[in-house]
Amino acid sequence: MNRRKALFGAGEVLAWWAVLALLWLVFISAVDTLELVVGASAALVGAFAAWGARRAVSQW
């Protein structure tokens, strides 16, 4: 993997994380520290899963 692909992959994971974290914040009723930690963690796991799935189907 070259540097360009690595930066693109990191940017894609960051974009997925931002979208999923925003969705988490929209759907919860109370925003406290624990909810932010759980939401950020779940969004990060989802972001890596989405990146891996897109990479698998596009034959990157």
C-alpha atoms as a PDB file:
ATOM      1  CA  MET A   1       0.000   0.000   0.000  1.00  0.00           C
ATOM      2  CA  ASN A   2       1.464   3.317  -0.984  1.00  0.00           C
ATOM      3  CA  ARG A   3       1.181   6.604   0.901  1.00  0.00           C
ATOM      4  CA  ARG A   4      -1.645   7.964  -1.278  1.00  0.00           C
ATOM      5  CA  LYS A   5      -3.865   4.928  -0.684  1.00  0.00           C
ATOM      6  CA  ALA A   6      -3.116   5.034   3.043  1.00  0.00           C
ATOM      7  CA  LEU A   7      -4.135   8.698   3.273  1.00  0.00           C
ATOM      8  CA  PHE A   8      -7.267   8.044   1.225  1.00  0.00           C
ATOM      9  CA  GLY A   9      -8.180   5.128   3.492  1.00  0.00           C
ATOM     10  CA  ALA A  10      -7.635   7.202   6.637  1.00  0.00           C
ATOM     11  CA  GLY A  11      -9.736  10.023   5.207  1.00  0.00           C
ATOM     12  CA  GLU A  12     -12.509   7.615   4.296  1.00  0.00           C
ATOM     13  CA  VAL A  13     -12.554   6.097   7.794  1.00  0.00           C
ATOM     14  CA  LEU A  14     -12.626   9.602   9.284  1.00  0.00           C
ATOM     15  CA  ALA A  15     -15.551  10.591   7.048  1.00  0.00           C
ATOM     16  CA  TRP A  16     -17.500   7.428   7.944  1.00  0.00           C
ATOM     17  CA  TRP A  17     -16.761   8.022  11.638  1.00  0.00           C
ATOM     18  CA  ALA A  18     -18.052  11.593  11.474  1.00  0.00           C
ATOM     19  CA  VAL A  19     -21.293  10.585   9.753  1.00  0.00           C
ATOM     20  CA  LEU A  20     -21.956   7.657  12.094  1.00  0.00           C
ATOM     21  CA  ALA A  21     -21.108   9.677  15.217  1.00  0.00           C
ATOM     22  CA  LEU A  22     -23.471  12.428  14.088  1.00  0.00           C
ATOM     23  CA  LEU A  23     -26.247   9.880  13.538  1.00  0.00           C
ATOM     24  CA  TRP A  24     -25.643   8.472  17.009  1.00  0.00           C
ATOM     25  CA  LEU A  25     -25.960  11.935  18.548  1.00  0.00           C
ATOM     26  CA  VAL A  26     -29.185  12.588  16.654  1.00  0.00           C
ATOM     27  CA  PHE A  27     -30.821   9.373  17.851  1.00  0.00           C
ATOM     28  CA  ILE A  28     -29.952   9.486  21.568  1.00  0.00           C
ATOM     29  CA  SER A  29     -32.108  11.362  24.030  1.00  0.00           C
ATOM     30  CA  ALA A  30     -29.555  12.596  26.578  1.00  0.00           C
ATOM     31  CA  VAL A  31     -25.994  13.580  25.740  1.00  0.00           C
ATOM     32  CA  ASP A  32     -23.590  12.873  28.582  1.00  0.00           C
ATOM     33  CA  THR A  33     -19.979  11.725  28.750  1.00  0.00           C
ATOM     34  CA  LEU A  34     -20.761   8.023  28.709  1.00  0.00           C
ATOM     35  CA  GLU A  35     -23.031   8.387  25.665  1.00  0.00           C
ATOM     36  CA  LEU A  36     -20.312  10.325  23.831  1.00  0.00           C
ATOM     37  CA  VAL A  37     -17.698   7.645  24.557  1.00  0.00           C
ATOM     38  CA  VAL A  38     -19.997   4.785  23.554  1.00  0.00           C
ATOM     39  CA  GLY A  39     -21.164   6.622  20.441  1.00  0.00           C
ATOM     40  CA  ALA A  40     -17.649   7.506  19.326  1.00  0.00           C
ATOM     41  CA  SER A  41     -16.471   3.938  19.889  1.00  0.00           C
ATOM     42  CA  ALA A  42     -19.402   2.391  18.060  1.00  0.00           C
ATOM     43  CA  ALA A  43     -19.001   4.853  15.204  1.00  0.00           C
ATOM     44  CA  LEU A  44     -15.307   3.974  14.895  1.00  0.00           C
ATOM     45  CA  VAL A  45     -16.082   0.250  14.705  1.00  0.00           C
ATOM     46  CA  GLY A  46     -18.773   0.959  12.108  1.00  0.00           C
ATOM     47  CA  ALA A  47     -16.424   3.190  10.131  1.00  0.00           C
ATOM     48  CA  PHE A  48     -13.795   0.464   9.858  1.00  0.00           C
ATOM     49  CA  ALA A  49     -16.474  -2.065   8.903  1.00  0.00           C
ATOM     50  CA  ALA A  50     -17.831   0.232   6.180  1.00  0.00           C
ATOM     51  CA  TRP A  51     -14.330   0.918   4.867  1.00  0.00           C
ATOM     52  CA  GLY A  52     -13.506  -2.793   4.795  1.00  0.00           C
ATOM     53  CA  ALA A  53     -16.780  -3.659   3.077  1.00  0.00           C
ATOM     54  CA  ARG A  54     -16.291  -0.992   0.416  1.00  0.00           C
ATOM     55  CA  ARG A  55     -12.732  -2.140  -0.104  1.00  0.00           C
ATOM     56  CA  ALA A  56     -13.849  -5.767  -0.436  1.00  0.00           C
ATOM     57  CA  VAL A  57     -16.481  -5.086  -3.063  1.00  0.00           C
ATOM     58  CA  SER A  58     -14.443  -2.618  -5.109  1.00  0.00           C
ATOM     59  CA  GLN A  59     -11.348  -4.858  -5.436  1.00  0.00           C
ATOM     60  CA  TRP A  60      -9.073  -2.075  -4.220  1.00  0.00           C
END
